[in-house]
Protein backbone atom coordinates (compact mmCIF):
# COMPACT_ATOMS: atom_id res chain seq x y z
CA MET A 1 95.14 190.21 30.23
CA ALA A 2 96.86 192.02 33.10
CA ILE A 3 95.92 195.42 31.67
CA GLU A 4 92.66 194.58 29.93
CA PHE A 5 91.02 192.84 32.88
CA PRO A 6 91.15 195.67 35.47
CA VAL A 7 90.36 198.31 32.85
CA GLU A 8 87.56 196.75 30.82
CA ASP A 9 86.23 193.73 32.71
CA CYS A 10 86.53 194.38 36.42
CA PRO A 11 87.87 197.83 37.34
CA GLU A 12 86.92 197.14 40.96
CA VAL A 13 90.07 194.99 41.37
CA ALA A 14 92.52 197.60 40.06
CA GLY A 15 94.12 198.23 43.46
CA ILE A 16 93.93 194.66 44.75
CA MET A 17 94.99 192.57 41.76
CA TYR A 18 95.71 188.87 42.38
CA THR A 19 94.79 188.88 46.06
CA GLU A 20 92.42 186.80 48.15
CA GLU A 21 90.31 189.92 48.64
CA SER A 22 89.92 190.35 44.89
CA LEU A 23 88.29 186.94 44.47
CA ALA A 24 85.12 188.05 46.28
CA VAL A 25 85.00 191.16 44.09
CA VAL A 26 85.44 189.04 40.96
CA GLU A 27 82.69 186.66 42.04
CA ASN A 28 80.25 189.48 42.71
CA LYS A 29 81.03 190.91 39.28
CA LEU A 30 80.42 187.51 37.65
CA LEU A 31 77.08 187.23 39.47
CA SER A 32 76.06 190.65 38.20
CA LEU A 33 77.05 189.80 34.61
CA TYR A 34 75.50 186.36 34.18
CA ASP A 35 72.30 184.68 35.27
CA ASN A 36 73.83 181.22 34.99
CA PHE A 37 76.86 179.32 33.72
CA ARG A 38 75.28 178.65 30.33
CA ASP A 39 74.91 182.40 29.83
CA ALA A 40 78.59 182.89 30.69
CA LEU A 41 79.59 180.47 27.93
CA ASP A 42 77.31 182.02 25.33
CA GLU A 43 79.10 183.01 22.13
CA GLN A 44 78.78 186.70 23.05
CA HIS A 45 80.25 186.24 26.52
CA VAL A 46 82.76 183.40 26.37
CA HIS A 47 85.81 185.61 25.76
CA THR A 48 85.00 187.80 28.74
CA THR A 49 84.29 184.74 30.86
CA MET A 50 87.66 183.26 29.91
CA ARG A 51 89.42 186.41 31.12
CA TYR A 52 87.75 185.85 34.50
CA VAL A 53 88.85 182.21 34.41
CA TYR A 54 92.43 183.24 33.72
CA TYR A 55 92.34 185.91 36.41
CA ILE A 56 91.21 183.39 39.02
CA GLY A 57 93.84 180.88 37.97
CA GLU A 58 96.57 183.50 37.90
CA THR A 59 95.64 184.61 41.42
CA TYR A 60 96.28 181.07 42.69
CA ARG A 61 99.34 180.56 40.50
CA ILE A 62 101.06 183.67 41.82
CA ALA A 63 100.17 183.10 45.48
CA PHE A 64 101.05 179.42 45.63
CA GLU A 65 103.91 178.80 43.19
CA GLY A 66 101.62 177.16 40.66
CA THR A 67 102.10 176.38 37.00
CA TRP A 68 99.60 176.76 34.18
CA ALA A 69 98.82 173.64 32.17
CA ALA A 70 96.38 172.69 29.43
CA LEU A 71 94.30 169.63 30.26
CA PRO A 72 93.01 167.87 27.13
CA LYS A 73 89.25 167.36 27.07
CA ALA A 74 88.14 163.79 26.47
CA GLY A 75 87.07 163.30 22.86
CA ALA A 76 87.94 166.87 21.90
CA GLY A 77 90.32 168.23 19.29
CA ALA A 78 94.00 168.89 19.88
CA ASP A 79 93.38 172.60 20.51
CA ASP A 80 90.39 172.12 22.82
CA ASN A 81 91.94 172.09 26.29
CA THR A 82 90.87 173.16 29.75
CA PRO A 83 93.16 175.69 31.46
CA VAL A 84 94.28 174.37 34.85
CA VAL A 85 96.75 175.39 37.53
CA ASP A 86 99.03 172.75 38.98
CA LEU A 87 99.82 173.60 42.60
CA PRO A 88 102.90 171.73 43.84
CA PHE A 89 101.31 170.69 47.13
CA TRP A 90 98.00 169.31 45.81
CA GLU A 91 97.38 166.00 44.09
CA THR A 92 94.60 167.49 41.99
CA LEU A 93 94.60 170.35 39.52
CA LEU A 94 92.85 173.64 40.18
CA LYS A 95 90.30 174.18 37.41
CA PRO A 96 89.27 177.84 37.43
CA MET A 97 86.48 177.21 34.90
CA GLU A 98 84.88 174.84 37.42
CA SER A 99 85.22 177.56 40.06
CA VAL A 100 83.32 179.98 37.82
CA GLN A 101 80.69 177.31 37.19
CA ALA A 102 80.25 176.69 40.93
CA ALA A 103 80.02 180.41 41.64
CA LEU A 104 77.37 180.98 38.97
CA ASN A 105 75.35 177.88 39.85
CA ARG A 106 75.37 178.27 43.64
CA ARG A 107 75.15 182.09 43.60
CA ASN A 108 76.11 182.47 47.27
CA GLY A 109 78.93 184.97 46.75
CA SER A 110 81.51 182.91 48.62
CA GLU A 111 82.67 180.21 46.21
CA LEU A 112 85.82 181.80 44.80
CA ALA A 113 87.16 183.29 48.02
CA GLY A 114 86.03 180.24 49.99
CA GLN A 115 88.62 177.96 48.36
CA TYR A 116 91.54 180.27 48.99
CA PRO A 117 92.07 179.69 52.75
CA TYR A 118 92.33 175.93 52.17
CA ALA A 119 94.94 176.41 49.47
CA GLN A 120 96.79 178.87 51.68
CA ARG A 121 96.78 176.46 54.63
CA ASP A 122 98.09 173.61 52.48
CA TYR A 123 100.68 175.87 50.85
CA LEU A 124 102.03 177.12 54.18
CA ALA A 125 102.26 173.55 55.50
CA TRP A 126 104.13 172.54 52.33
CA VAL A 127 106.56 175.47 52.66
CA GLU A 128 107.07 174.74 56.37
CA ALA A 129 107.89 171.12 55.50
CA GLY A 130 110.64 172.31 53.16
CA ARG A 131 108.69 172.10 49.89
CA PRO A 132 108.80 168.31 49.65
CA GLU A 133 108.26 166.58 46.35
CA ARG A 134 104.62 165.78 45.76
CA THR A 135 103.50 162.27 46.65
CA TYR A 136 100.36 160.67 45.37
CA ARG A 137 98.17 158.59 47.66
CA GLY A 138 96.59 156.62 44.84
CA THR A 139 98.18 153.89 42.78
CA LEU A 140 98.36 153.31 39.07
CA ARG A 141 96.07 150.62 37.79
CA GLU A 142 99.07 148.64 36.48
CA ASN A 143 100.34 148.28 40.04
CA ASP A 144 97.07 146.99 41.52
């Protein structure tokens, strides 16, 4: 993906790979490619769309010490998972596919890059605090 994406899919990011700046470029490219999210998931486009999904996730993973994970879809087969990035300072998972969906549905050009400063702020606070182990505010149902 690292070579294919900037050559075939989005050559505009070639000099700024995996940066905050590149997310706005990627979003503008997505908006020029697809009229809506359904179009992005069409059989003809889904593989290209997934490369964008992975690029977005990898940008966050690299910048914020994240880890890729596969989140099983409810009621789906064993191989039908959603790619997510687990950031060590957030309770929730980053779902790049949902970011693409928001960008294509809202079409304002600021969805992908708009999330980044919040992640960066939280990451820097986490690093400054000595990278503490993640704590969850919620409780398990068994403990209620």
